[in-house]
Amino acid sequence: MKLVKNSIQIALNSDIVPIYYGSINHYLANKRTIEKFAKRIVEASTTPEKKFEIDSTTESHNDSTDFYFSFIPLKGLEYERQVDLNKDKILKKLFIVDMLIKGIADKYIIRKGGYEADVSFFIQNENTPFENWLSYKQINLKYFHNELYIAFGSYQSLISEKQLSEYSQIDSDSISYILIDERYLVNKKFINDDLKNYRFLATNSIKIENKLTLTPKPLNYREYFKNINDVLKLLLEIQFEGITLSSSGFEELQQKYFFQVERNYSVMLFKDSHTNVNASNGMKFSGPLFVPEDVTEETEFLFIYSSPDKANELFRYLRDGLSFFPGLERYVGIPVRTPNKDLSLRYDNYNELPHRLEKHLEQNSEQLKLKKYVAIVIIPKGKTDIEFFVDEPEDNDKIYYRIKELLLQKNIPSQFIVESNIGIKSFHFFLPNIAIALLAKLGGIPWRLNKDVTNDLIIGFGEKKVNENMYLGNTVFFDNTGNIKENYYFNADNPSQLANNIISSLLNYKKQINEIPKRIIIHYYKAPNQKEFKEISKAIKELNFDIPFVFVEINDSKAKDLIAFDLTNEYSMPISGTCWEIRKGQEYILFNNTRYGNDAGKYKDEYPVKIKLYFSKMINPTTEIINETLAQVYEFSRIYWKSLRQQCKPVTIIYSDLVAKYAANFKDNKVPDSDIAKKIPWYL
């Protein structure tokens, strides 16, 4: 592979530049305290005057007083001095950001800062899908190591066509950014007068509440490269002050900064020790790795449905197959016996189904204990028109959650399917996904990686926020086979619960395996703080265990600001399992996708994931240990059993997110205390 990054070189025209500062705020200025930043400016100064003095809006100022500065002469910044940018990397970055703003604002609407970018600017689309709104492409620019990274933040950002006063259904509390001078999107906190006189940027909540959402644009690597290349051409047309953008195109990623995980992290193991790099082919030609004996001997289906015709049609597809799908028994070893009519449930009113189901399950509770049951729930609609199975509902779908919870209380896993999609032309493409999910929910293993079983305790944590309450989900693996040992959930308000869960998993590991793990690997949804590190270290030490641990932060939002393209394959995605080193031993980009070799073919494009590593003091992070830790993240992305398609995130995070989501939406925010709820991926 020959990789290029989504970045270009950017250089200063002069090292010595003026900086402007003062005590009066401006929406384009940088805000700092004298204590934390004045010394930086003084030490970079080229002027003999080293004292830092400003006229404060208060009677006197001290080290904690705020001041404001910019490399653009702004109203209220009455002081000026010359600074040498070579003396301070942070000042250099802020200068470049200000020069980008100054140049771009002459042509496009611009926003300074934000979570994803140092600068964002907005290119208006020719057409808008919504009345009274103007549609824009949001371009994010990020400066890093003398390079400017170009990325798309959104293809459909919406800015109101009129002032807020013209939108009676939207109040000022839901707004974050307002438009000033028709070119600057500014945080509303900078505005002292009435917000109703301004145009504004639609937030996600405004889009959802006012039905201003569209189906997200799927990633196409080649198209994405063309799009950011077009943006680069626009930037090169701008005459920037103080900086020069390279016109030689996107930067090549040097070979020393990227590597491939071992090939055996891509090869999967199926029935009778057959191997394949492709899950679809492995299932088609070999079959699942493990089918529990009680699945073949005891499994019975119970159908919950409104239309007998649709229920019978689906039953035939599951038993006999459809097109290239051969049926459940031939595909995953689950026999499809004629359902017991007394245990199945027909409903007329979907809204009343939870009440009827609860009563039905209670009346048949003793009989439901005799065999291994799985429920097929046929519902009237999903959250999208093309959704064939809907085990990822919206947070307000109370009926779905209640049905799922009632069945889970009786140790019955379930699969939801949209009635109107049964039997449509492309339905057979989704039956294999339904089949492998059903097998996993019954305790089977569709496949695992074809490599030695590791002696690690791997713990994933995910989050879900509902109605201002944060919930954490937790899945535990005692090895790398994908076989879940524990599912947990807890309220994120209790900070000590993290360490408690890890210690509980460690003790269960020792009890079941009769030894302690080599390492504890914690796949985490955010950066761990010092308190979390100390609590875990202390708890392990109190058990008299000498076990190293590592936090692996796996960013839930897929990496868009840092991305690479393979020049040898028409600017396509890099081969799956490619790691890009951003900061050695600390930060990496991992490319997870369905391109497993150099062959030119059709791949399902995926954004990469950003990974950060935090090692405990007991670990010397050698290159071998770092690569092994990153490869394990990749490994767990390949054992996703809800679909034949590989995911960009590992199941340690995906499954934990799902546990948290269900806990947040179940009654009393509790997952039922049943056997399958604890040890089976019932949420697939």
Foldseek 3Di string as FASTA:
>chain_A
DWKFWQKFFKFFPAQKAKKFKAADDDQPWDKDFQQPPVQVQLVQFPDPDSDDDYDHPDPDDDRRRMMTMASDDDPRRPDMTMGGCVSDVVVVQRNVLRLLCVFCLVPFAKEADDDFARIKTWAWDPDAPDPQKTFTWIWGWHDDDRMIGIFTPARGWIKGNAFQLVPPVDDPVQFAWWDDPNHYTGGCVVDDDDSRRTIGTHDPVNCVVVVVDDDGDADFQLVRVVVSVVVVVVVQVTDTPRMDTDPPDTGIADPVFKDFFDLLLQWWAADPRDIDSFLVVCLLPGNAHWFDPQQLVFEEEAEEEADPVLVVLVLCCQAQNDDSGRHLCVRHNGHYDDHDPLLHHHDDDLVCVLVVVLVSCVVCLVVLVPGQYEYEYEDADAPDPPDFWHLPGDLPPLSVLSVQQSCVLSVYFYIYGYSVPRPPDCVNQCVSLVSLQVSLLSPGARIARPDDKAQEKEKEWEWDDDPNWIKIWMWIDRTRRPFTDWIDMDTVVDVLVVLVVVVVSQVVSCVVVVDGGQAYEYEYQDDDDPVSLVSNVVVCVVVVDDHKYKYKHKHPDFDRSIAMFDPVQSRGHPAARMWGHPDPQFKIWGAHWPRHDDDHDDTRHDGTIIITMDIDPVDDDDPVNVSVSSSSQNSQQCRDSSDSTGDNGGCSHVLRNQSNSSLVRHVVSDRRPDDSNTGGSSSD
